[in-house]
Amino acid sequence: MNKKEIKSNFIEYHTTDKLSEKTQNLLSRAKEAASRAYAPYSKFQVGAAVILEHNIILEANNQENAAYPSGLCAERVAIFYANSKYPDSAVLSIAVTAIRDNKLVKEPIPPCGSCLQVLLETERRFNNKIDIYLYAENKIIHARGVEQFLPYNFDIKSLRGD
């Protein structure tokens, strides 16, 4: 038997003051996107904003549907939009936040497994780790790369059987 320990590294901020102006803007844009989310069923409005190469910023939000599996998370909407509109531009950063009852959530919400898998594929596609910021009222969590959340992941090597 072999035992393997996997560690993840996150940086926690309690205010936006220590973040760059560019990152503060990204957080603000994610919050604006959340306010426009279509979430009539859960009332849980999620927003995401991404920075691509050449300082292109795109916003997206969750889109619900009465048939729940037909909706889509804000992170995937943002990544799919970025990859379809700018297929040759790497995603450098993503900020994610949520609003409930017209207020920013108190604690950061992590992306779901499906969103993490899409972010991972985007990192591998461009050979570039994405800076992930999870924004809430009480703190901001920063992770450098999806593997911080998903250390044991499925990718092209898994498909090939490597």
C-alpha atoms as a PDB file:
ATOM      1  CA  MET A   1       0.000   0.000   0.000  1.00  0.00           C
ATOM      2  CA  ASN A   2       1.184   3.507  -0.841  1.00  0.00           C
ATOM      3  CA  LYS A   3      -0.128   6.565   0.879  1.00  0.00           C
ATOM      4  CA  LYS A   4      -0.179   9.845  -1.005  1.00  0.00           C
ATOM      5  CA  GLU A   5      -0.928  13.181   0.593  1.00  0.00           C
ATOM      6  CA  ILE A   6      -2.320  15.963  -1.567  1.00  0.00           C
ATOM      7  CA  LYS A   7      -2.298  19.549  -0.360  1.00  0.00           C
ATOM      8  CA  SER A   8      -4.145  22.534  -1.752  1.00  0.00           C
ATOM      9  CA  ASN A   9      -3.081  26.146  -1.376  1.00  0.00           C
ATOM     10  CA  PHE A  10      -5.503  29.027  -1.037  1.00  0.00           C
ATOM     11  CA  ILE A  11      -4.977  32.653  -0.107  1.00  0.00           C
ATOM     12  CA  GLU A  12      -7.700  34.243   1.987  1.00  0.00           C
ATOM     13  CA  TYR A  13      -8.367  37.983   1.954  1.00  0.00           C
ATOM     14  CA  HIS A  14     -10.812  39.767   4.243  1.00  0.00           C
ATOM     15  CA  THR A  15     -10.985  42.964   2.174  1.00  0.00           C
ATOM     16  CA  THR A  16     -10.292  43.809  -1.442  1.00  0.00           C
ATOM     17  CA  ASP A  17      -7.636  46.394  -0.455  1.00  0.00           C
ATOM     18  CA  LYS A  18      -4.708  44.011  -0.960  1.00  0.00           C
ATOM     19  CA  LEU A  19      -5.870  42.963  -4.418  1.00  0.00           C
ATOM     20  CA  SER A  20      -4.815  44.682  -7.611  1.00  0.00           C
ATOM     21  CA  GLU A  21      -7.139  47.216  -9.207  1.00  0.00           C
ATOM     22  CA  LYS A  22      -7.612  44.785 -12.090  1.00  0.00           C
ATOM     23  CA  THR A  23      -8.727  42.014  -9.712  1.00  0.00           C
ATOM     24  CA  GLN A  24     -10.993  44.385  -7.779  1.00  0.00           C
ATOM     25  CA  ASN A  25     -12.636  45.315 -11.087  1.00  0.00           C
ATOM     26  CA  LEU A  26     -13.066  41.623 -11.930  1.00  0.00           C
ATOM     27  CA  LEU A  27     -14.794  40.989  -8.581  1.00  0.00           C
ATOM     28  CA  SER A  28     -17.078  43.966  -9.135  1.00  0.00           C
ATOM     29  CA  ARG A  29     -17.974  42.735 -12.621  1.00  0.00           C
ATOM     30  CA  ALA A  30     -18.809  39.269 -11.249  1.00  0.00           C
ATOM     31  CA  LYS A  31     -21.116  40.874  -8.682  1.00  0.00           C
ATOM     32  CA  GLU A  32     -22.823  42.943 -11.406  1.00  0.00           C
ATOM     33  CA  ALA A  33     -23.275  39.792 -13.493  1.00  0.00           C
ATOM     34  CA  ALA A  34     -24.812  37.978 -10.515  1.00  0.00           C
ATOM     35  CA  SER A  35     -27.400  40.729 -10.144  1.00  0.00           C
ATOM     36  CA  ARG A  36     -28.596  39.946 -13.681  1.00  0.00           C
ATOM     37  CA  ALA A  37     -28.762  36.152 -13.287  1.00  0.00           C
ATOM     38  CA  TYR A  38     -31.882  34.288 -14.313  1.00  0.00           C
ATOM     39  CA  ALA A  39     -32.594  32.312 -11.130  1.00  0.00           C
ATOM     40  CA  PRO A  40     -36.375  32.359 -10.578  1.00  0.00           C
ATOM     41  CA  TYR A  41     -36.419  28.902  -8.946  1.00  0.00           C
ATOM     42  CA  SER A  42     -33.465  28.797  -6.558  1.00  0.00           C
ATOM     43  CA  LYS A  43     -33.232  32.579  -6.043  1.00  0.00           C
ATOM     44  CA  PHE A  44     -29.464  31.954  -5.903  1.00  0.00           C
ATOM     45  CA  GLN A  45     -27.910  34.364  -8.379  1.00  0.00           C
ATOM     46  CA  VAL A  46     -24.344  33.531  -9.391  1.00  0.00           C
ATOM     47  CA  GLY A  47     -22.076  35.747 -11.442  1.00  0.00           C
ATOM     48  CA  ALA A  48     -18.726  35.101 -13.055  1.00  0.00           C
ATOM     49  CA  ALA A  49     -16.298  37.407 -14.806  1.00  0.00           C
ATOM     50  CA  VAL A  50     -13.212  36.317 -16.711  1.00  0.00           C
ATOM     51  CA  ILE A  51     -10.114  38.138 -17.875  1.00  0.00           C
ATOM     52  CA  LEU A  52      -8.669  36.875 -21.125  1.00  0.00           C
ATOM     53  CA  GLU A  53      -5.389  37.708 -22.736  1.00  0.00           C
ATOM     54  CA  HIS A  54      -5.213  41.310 -24.000  1.00  0.00           C
ATOM     55  CA  ASN A  55      -7.302  42.421 -20.957  1.00  0.00           C
ATOM     56  CA  ILE A  56     -10.608  41.324 -22.450  1.00  0.00           C
ATOM     57  CA  ILE A  57     -13.211  40.992 -19.672  1.00  0.00           C
ATOM     58  CA  LEU A  58     -16.395  38.990 -20.135  1.00  0.00           C
ATOM     59  CA  GLU A  59     -19.269  38.510 -17.689  1.00  0.00           C
ATOM     60  CA  ALA A  60     -21.812  35.738 -17.328  1.00  0.00           C
ATOM     61  CA  ASN A  61     -24.346  34.415 -14.847  1.00  0.00           C
ATOM     62  CA  ASN A  62     -26.325  31.307 -14.031  1.00  0.00           C
ATOM     63  CA  GLN A  63     -29.297  30.522 -16.211  1.00  0.00           C
ATOM     64  CA  GLU A  64     -31.978  28.350 -14.624  1.00  0.00           C
ATOM     65  CA  ASN A  65     -34.764  26.372 -16.226  1.00  0.00           C
ATOM     66  CA  ALA A  66     -37.854  24.695 -14.768  1.00  0.00           C
ATOM     67  CA  ALA A  67     -36.276  21.422 -15.920  1.00  0.00           C
ATOM     68  CA  TYR A  68     -33.269  21.874 -13.600  1.00  0.00           C
ATOM     69  CA  PRO A  69     -30.714  19.895 -15.624  1.00  0.00           C
ATOM     70  CA  SER A  70     -31.323  22.268 -18.521  1.00  0.00           C
ATOM     71  CA  GLY A  71     -29.861  25.263 -16.691  1.00  0.00           C
ATOM     72  CA  LEU A  72     -26.200  26.196 -16.606  1.00  0.00           C
ATOM     73  CA  CYS A  73     -23.820  27.575 -13.989  1.00  0.00           C
ATOM     74  CA  ALA A  74     -22.275  31.034 -14.346  1.00  0.00           C
ATOM     75  CA  GLU A  75     -18.727  29.654 -14.554  1.00  0.00           C
ATOM     76  CA  ARG A  76     -19.506  27.424 -17.531  1.00  0.00           C
ATOM     77  CA  VAL A  77     -21.499  30.141 -19.276  1.00  0.00           C
ATOM     78  CA  ALA A  78     -18.474  32.463 -18.893  1.00  0.00           C
ATOM     79  CA  ILE A  79     -15.900  29.906 -20.046  1.00  0.00           C
ATOM     80  CA  PHE A  80     -17.952  28.646 -22.986  1.00  0.00           C
ATOM     81  CA  TYR A  81     -18.678  32.214 -24.070  1.00  0.00           C
ATOM     82  CA  ALA A  82     -14.995  33.145 -23.820  1.00  0.00           C
ATOM     83  CA  ASN A  83     -13.873  30.061 -25.736  1.00  0.00           C
ATOM     84  CA  SER A  84     -16.477  30.567 -28.465  1.00  0.00           C
ATOM     85  CA  LYS A  85     -15.964  34.312 -28.939  1.00  0.00           C
ATOM     86  CA  TYR A  86     -12.169  34.341 -28.439  1.00  0.00           C
ATOM     87  CA  PRO A  87     -11.034  30.782 -29.230  1.00  0.00           C
ATOM     88  CA  ASP A  88      -7.348  31.703 -29.301  1.00  0.00           C
ATOM     89  CA  SER A  89      -7.277  33.703 -26.051  1.00  0.00           C
ATOM     90  CA  ALA A  90      -6.360  32.027 -22.780  1.00  0.00           C
ATOM     91  CA  VAL A  91      -8.466  32.648 -19.699  1.00  0.00           C
ATOM     92  CA  LEU A  92      -6.157  34.262 -17.141  1.00  0.00           C
ATOM     93  CA  SER A  93      -8.546  34.787 -14.199  1.00  0.00           C
ATOM     94  CA  ILE A  94     -12.100  34.110 -13.158  1.00  0.00           C
ATOM     95  CA  ALA A  95     -14.060  35.683 -10.307  1.00  0.00           C
ATOM     96  CA  VAL A  96     -17.198  34.017  -8.982  1.00  0.00           C
ATOM     97  CA  THR A  97     -19.733  35.373  -6.519  1.00  0.00           C
ATOM     98  CA  ALA A  98     -23.343  34.865  -5.529  1.00  0.00           C
ATOM     99  CA  ILE A  99     -26.259  36.974  -4.361  1.00  0.00           C
ATOM    100  CA  ARG A 100     -29.109  35.759  -2.199  1.00  0.00           C
ATOM    101  CA  ASP A 101     -31.969  38.045  -1.129  1.00  0.00           C
ATOM    102  CA  ASN A 102     -30.275  41.002  -2.867  1.00  0.00           C
ATOM    103  CA  LYS A 103     -27.121  40.608  -0.730  1.00  0.00           C
ATOM    104  CA  LEU A 104     -23.706  39.163  -1.416  1.00  0.00           C
ATOM    105  CA  VAL A 105     -23.381  35.733   0.196  1.00  0.00           C
ATOM    106  CA  LYS A 106     -21.425  35.747   3.467  1.00  0.00           C
ATOM    107  CA  GLU A 107     -18.988  32.941   2.556  1.00  0.00           C
ATOM    108  CA  PRO A 108     -17.370  32.167  -0.812  1.00  0.00           C
ATOM    109  CA  ILE A 109     -18.999  29.493  -2.946  1.00  0.00           C
ATOM    110  CA  PRO A 110     -16.763  27.090  -4.851  1.00  0.00           C
ATOM    111  CA  PRO A 111     -17.504  26.025  -8.417  1.00  0.00           C
ATOM    112  CA  CYS A 112     -19.332  22.708  -8.774  1.00  0.00           C
ATOM    113  CA  GLY A 113     -17.511  19.654 -10.094  1.00  0.00           C
ATOM    114  CA  SER A 114     -18.755  20.161 -13.664  1.00  0.00           C
ATOM    115  CA  CYS A 115     -17.507  23.753 -13.676  1.00  0.00           C
ATOM    116  CA  LEU A 116     -14.148  22.702 -12.244  1.00  0.00           C
ATOM    117  CA  GLN A 117     -13.807  20.113 -15.017  1.00  0.00           C
ATOM    118  CA  VAL A 118     -14.524  22.771 -17.672  1.00  0.00           C
ATOM    119  CA  LEU A 119     -12.021  25.157 -16.054  1.00  0.00           C
ATOM    120  CA  LEU A 120      -9.444  22.357 -15.985  1.00  0.00           C
ATOM    121  CA  GLU A 121      -9.961  21.627 -19.676  1.00  0.00           C
ATOM    122  CA  THR A 122      -9.532  25.340 -20.432  1.00  0.00           C
ATOM    123  CA  GLU A 123      -6.280  25.434 -18.462  1.00  0.00           C
ATOM    124  CA  ARG A 124      -4.962  22.393 -20.309  1.00  0.00           C
ATOM    125  CA  ARG A 125      -6.140  23.732 -23.676  1.00  0.00           C
ATOM    126  CA  PHE A 126      -3.996  26.853 -23.265  1.00  0.00           C
ATOM    127  CA  ASN A 127      -1.322  25.386 -20.973  1.00  0.00           C
ATOM    128  CA  ASN A 128      -2.080  28.165 -18.507  1.00  0.00           C
ATOM    129  CA  LYS A 129      -3.184  28.025 -14.868  1.00  0.00           C
ATOM    130  CA  ILE A 130      -6.232  30.170 -14.158  1.00  0.00           C
ATOM    131  CA  ASP A 131      -6.350  32.455 -11.120  1.00  0.00           C
ATOM    132  CA  ILE A 132      -9.647  31.688  -9.397  1.00  0.00           C
ATOM    133  CA  TYR A 133     -11.228  34.233  -7.036  1.00  0.00           C
ATOM    134  CA  LEU A 134     -14.262  33.340  -4.934  1.00  0.00           C
ATOM    135  CA  TYR A 135     -15.848  36.552  -3.672  1.00  0.00           C
ATOM    136  CA  ALA A 136     -18.156  36.913  -0.662  1.00  0.00           C
ATOM    137  CA  GLU A 137     -19.039  39.459   1.986  1.00  0.00           C
ATOM    138  CA  ASN A 138     -16.705  38.031   4.645  1.00  0.00           C
ATOM    139  CA  LYS A 139     -13.743  36.995   2.498  1.00  0.00           C
ATOM    140  CA  ILE A 140     -12.187  36.398  -0.872  1.00  0.00           C
ATOM    141  CA  ILE A 141     -10.476  33.098  -1.619  1.00  0.00           C
ATOM    142  CA  HIS A 142      -7.761  32.977  -4.286  1.00  0.00           C
ATOM    143  CA  ALA A 143      -6.456  29.771  -5.834  1.00  0.00           C
ATOM    144  CA  ARG A 144      -3.823  29.472  -8.531  1.00  0.00           C
ATOM    145  CA  GLY A 145      -5.128  26.752 -10.813  1.00  0.00           C
ATOM    146  CA  VAL A 146      -8.015  24.321 -10.802  1.00  0.00           C
ATOM    147  CA  GLU A 147      -5.911  21.500  -9.343  1.00  0.00           C
ATOM    148  CA  GLN A 148      -6.176  23.263  -5.973  1.00  0.00           C
ATOM    149  CA  PHE A 149      -9.853  22.218  -5.991  1.00  0.00           C
ATOM    150  CA  LEU A 150      -9.585  19.105  -8.154  1.00  0.00           C
ATOM    151  CA  PRO A 151      -6.197  17.477  -7.537  1.00  0.00           C
ATOM    152  CA  TYR A 152      -7.184  14.035  -8.787  1.00  0.00           C
ATOM    153  CA  ASN A 153      -8.809  14.857 -12.104  1.00  0.00           C
ATOM    154  CA  PHE A 154      -9.955  13.403 -15.401  1.00  0.00           C
ATOM    155  CA  ASP A 155      -8.198  14.630 -18.537  1.00  0.00           C
ATOM    156  CA  ILE A 156      -6.936  13.509 -21.948  1.00  0.00           C
ATOM    157  CA  LYS A 157      -4.451  11.096 -20.337  1.00  0.00           C
ATOM    158  CA  SER A 158      -7.392   9.399 -18.635  1.00  0.00           C
ATOM    159  CA  LEU A 159      -9.129   8.964 -22.009  1.00  0.00           C
ATOM    160  CA  ARG A 160      -5.984   7.512 -23.559  1.00  0.00           C
ATOM    161  CA  GLY A 161      -5.432   5.175 -20.640  1.00  0.00           C
ATOM    162  CA  ASP A 162      -1.971   6.637 -19.859  1.00  0.00           C
END
